[in-house]
Protein backbone atom coordinates (compact mmCIF):
# COMPACT_ATOMS: atom_id res chain seq x y z
CA MET A 1 84.50 -72.41 34.62
CA GLU A 2 84.06 -72.53 31.03
CA PRO A 3 85.75 -75.71 29.75
CA GLY A 4 84.34 -74.77 26.25
CA ARG A 5 85.63 -71.09 25.95
CA SER A 6 89.29 -72.28 26.62
CA ILE A 7 89.33 -74.57 23.77
CA VAL A 8 87.21 -72.28 20.76
CA ALA A 9 87.37 -68.78 22.11
CA ASN A 10 91.51 -67.83 21.07
CA ALA A 11 90.77 -70.32 17.74
CA GLY A 12 88.33 -68.10 16.70
CA VAL A 13 88.94 -64.24 14.67
CA THR A 14 86.54 -62.18 13.30
CA LEU A 15 87.71 -60.11 10.47
CA TYR A 16 86.21 -56.64 9.17
CA THR A 17 86.60 -54.05 6.73
CA VAL A 18 88.01 -50.51 7.45
CA GLY A 19 85.23 -48.28 6.22
CA THR A 20 86.05 -44.83 7.79
CA VAL A 21 88.75 -43.40 10.32
CA LYS A 22 87.44 -40.34 12.17
CA HIS A 23 89.72 -38.34 14.33
CA ILE A 24 88.10 -36.49 16.43
CA PRO A 25 91.03 -33.52 18.27
CA ASN A 26 91.97 -33.70 21.80
CA VAL A 27 88.64 -36.72 21.73
CA ARG A 28 90.42 -39.84 20.38
CA THR A 29 90.24 -41.54 16.95
CA TYR A 30 87.57 -43.92 15.68
CA VAL A 31 88.08 -47.02 12.91
CA ALA A 32 84.59 -47.55 11.75
CA VAL A 33 84.17 -51.31 10.52
CA ASP A 34 81.84 -53.24 8.35
CA GLY A 35 80.07 -55.45 11.78
CA GLY A 36 79.81 -54.19 15.08
CA MET A 37 77.11 -54.85 17.69
CA THR A 38 75.45 -57.43 15.56
CA ASP A 39 78.13 -59.99 15.40
CA ASN A 40 79.91 -58.99 18.45
CA ILE A 41 77.76 -57.87 21.36
CA ARG A 42 80.30 -58.80 23.94
CA THR A 43 81.97 -55.78 24.60
CA ALA A 44 78.66 -53.49 24.90
CA LEU A 45 76.73 -56.27 27.51
CA TYR A 46 80.05 -56.96 29.55
CA ASP A 47 82.94 -55.42 28.84
CA ALA A 48 84.75 -57.98 27.17
CA HIS A 49 88.28 -56.48 26.16
CA TYR A 50 90.30 -58.03 22.54
CA GLU A 51 93.01 -57.59 20.99
CA PRO A 52 92.69 -56.26 16.93
CA VAL A 53 95.50 -55.70 14.87
CA ILE A 54 95.39 -54.44 10.93
CA ALA A 55 96.12 -58.11 9.05
CA ASN A 56 97.41 -56.24 5.92
CA LYS A 57 100.08 -54.19 8.07
CA ALA A 58 100.55 -56.50 11.10
CA ASP A 59 104.51 -56.53 10.52
CA LEU A 60 103.86 -52.61 10.92
CA PRO A 61 104.36 -51.22 14.53
CA ARG A 62 101.11 -49.82 16.40
CA ASP A 63 101.67 -46.37 16.86
CA ASN A 64 97.71 -44.82 17.02
CA VAL A 65 95.31 -45.90 19.68
CA VAL A 66 92.11 -45.64 18.20
CA THR A 67 88.46 -47.07 19.48
CA ILE A 68 86.71 -49.26 16.72
CA ALA A 69 83.26 -48.43 16.56
CA GLY A 70 80.83 -50.76 14.36
CA LYS A 71 78.78 -49.84 11.81
CA HIS A 72 74.72 -49.42 13.30
CA CYS A 73 74.78 -46.20 14.94
CA GLU A 74 74.37 -47.21 18.49
CA SER A 75 76.64 -45.42 21.40
CA GLY A 76 77.47 -49.16 22.67
CA ASP A 77 78.45 -50.17 19.11
CA VAL A 78 82.26 -50.32 20.34
CA ILE A 79 83.98 -53.43 19.70
CA VAL A 80 87.39 -52.22 21.36
CA VAL A 81 88.68 -48.97 23.23
CA ASP A 82 91.26 -47.13 23.02
CA THR A 83 93.46 -49.71 21.93
CA PRO A 84 97.24 -49.47 20.09
CA LEU A 85 96.75 -49.99 16.29
CA GLN A 86 98.73 -49.36 13.08
CA THR A 87 97.46 -46.46 10.64
CA ALA A 88 93.84 -47.80 9.47
CA GLU A 89 92.51 -47.06 6.06
CA PRO A 90 89.68 -47.18 4.26
CA GLY A 91 89.61 -50.81 2.55
CA ASP A 92 92.24 -52.41 5.09
CA THR A 93 91.08 -55.96 7.43
CA LEU A 94 91.14 -55.59 10.62
CA CYS A 95 91.40 -58.82 12.51
CA VAL A 96 89.98 -58.95 16.49
CA PHE A 97 91.58 -62.05 18.20
CA ALA A 98 89.64 -64.94 20.19
CA THR A 99 86.70 -64.12 19.38
CA GLY A 100 85.27 -68.18 18.95
CA ALA A 101 83.28 -68.18 22.01
CA TYR A 102 80.26 -66.57 21.97
CA CYS A 103 80.58 -64.29 18.97
CA GLN A 104 78.99 -66.04 16.77
CA SER A 105 76.04 -67.79 18.93
CA MET A 106 75.05 -64.25 20.26
CA ALA A 107 74.92 -62.47 16.34
CA SER A 108 71.45 -61.05 16.01
CA ASN A 109 69.93 -58.95 12.58
CA TYR A 110 69.55 -56.38 15.46
CA ASN A 111 68.60 -53.48 12.99
CA LYS A 112 68.05 -56.08 10.13
CA GLN A 113 71.37 -56.88 9.80
CA VAL A 114 72.71 -59.95 8.10
CA ARG A 115 74.98 -62.52 10.10
CA PRO A 116 78.34 -63.12 8.82
CA GLY A 117 79.68 -66.81 7.82
CA VAL A 118 81.59 -68.71 9.10
CA VAL A 119 84.74 -70.23 7.86
CA PHE A 120 87.21 -73.32 9.02
CA VAL A 121 90.90 -73.29 7.72
CA SER A 122 93.11 -75.62 8.78
CA ASP A 123 96.64 -76.32 6.97
CA GLY A 124 96.16 -74.11 4.53
CA GLU A 125 92.82 -75.11 3.51
CA ALA A 126 89.35 -72.93 4.16
CA ARG A 127 85.64 -74.64 4.48
CA LEU A 128 82.69 -72.84 4.70
CA VAL A 129 80.79 -74.07 7.76
CA VAL A 130 78.13 -71.74 7.82
CA ARG A 131 77.41 -69.63 4.63
CA ARG A 132 76.92 -65.70 5.34
CA GLU A 133 72.99 -64.97 5.55
CA THR A 134 71.54 -62.35 2.86
CA TYR A 135 68.61 -59.26 3.44
CA GLU A 136 66.51 -62.45 1.27
CA ASP A 137 66.90 -64.62 3.93
CA LEU A 138 65.65 -62.42 6.35
CA MET A 139 62.19 -61.86 4.39
CA ARG A 140 61.37 -65.48 4.12
CA CYS A 141 58.30 -66.51 6.43
CA ASP A 142 60.13 -70.36 6.69
CA VAL A 143 63.38 -68.59 8.53
């Protein structure tokens, strides 16, 4: 039983920017984003399932089946496998729902990647609660 997860999982979303879209005929279409296994290792570790939507096209039909891949050049760097999604283009904002539990606490600096920030939003007001790391942070000896 995980009462904490039931409280926070659905409250959190992760936003990514689409970088590239690669269609391999008769195989699959990949949508690559600017994050991946360093900010969400759960899919690679235990086949967690998520529902994504392109936030800036949320009112459009999800008429493509795609696999959302991260930027880390690892075979396990996949966020969602074979999911319905709107037509993705570079620069789109991809929203992955229900990432409030474990994603931030399990985030890592694998491949010298910086961890994303955390923003709380309520009643139209946003508040930064964990700032995004910088590469300078990674190089400091006192961190």
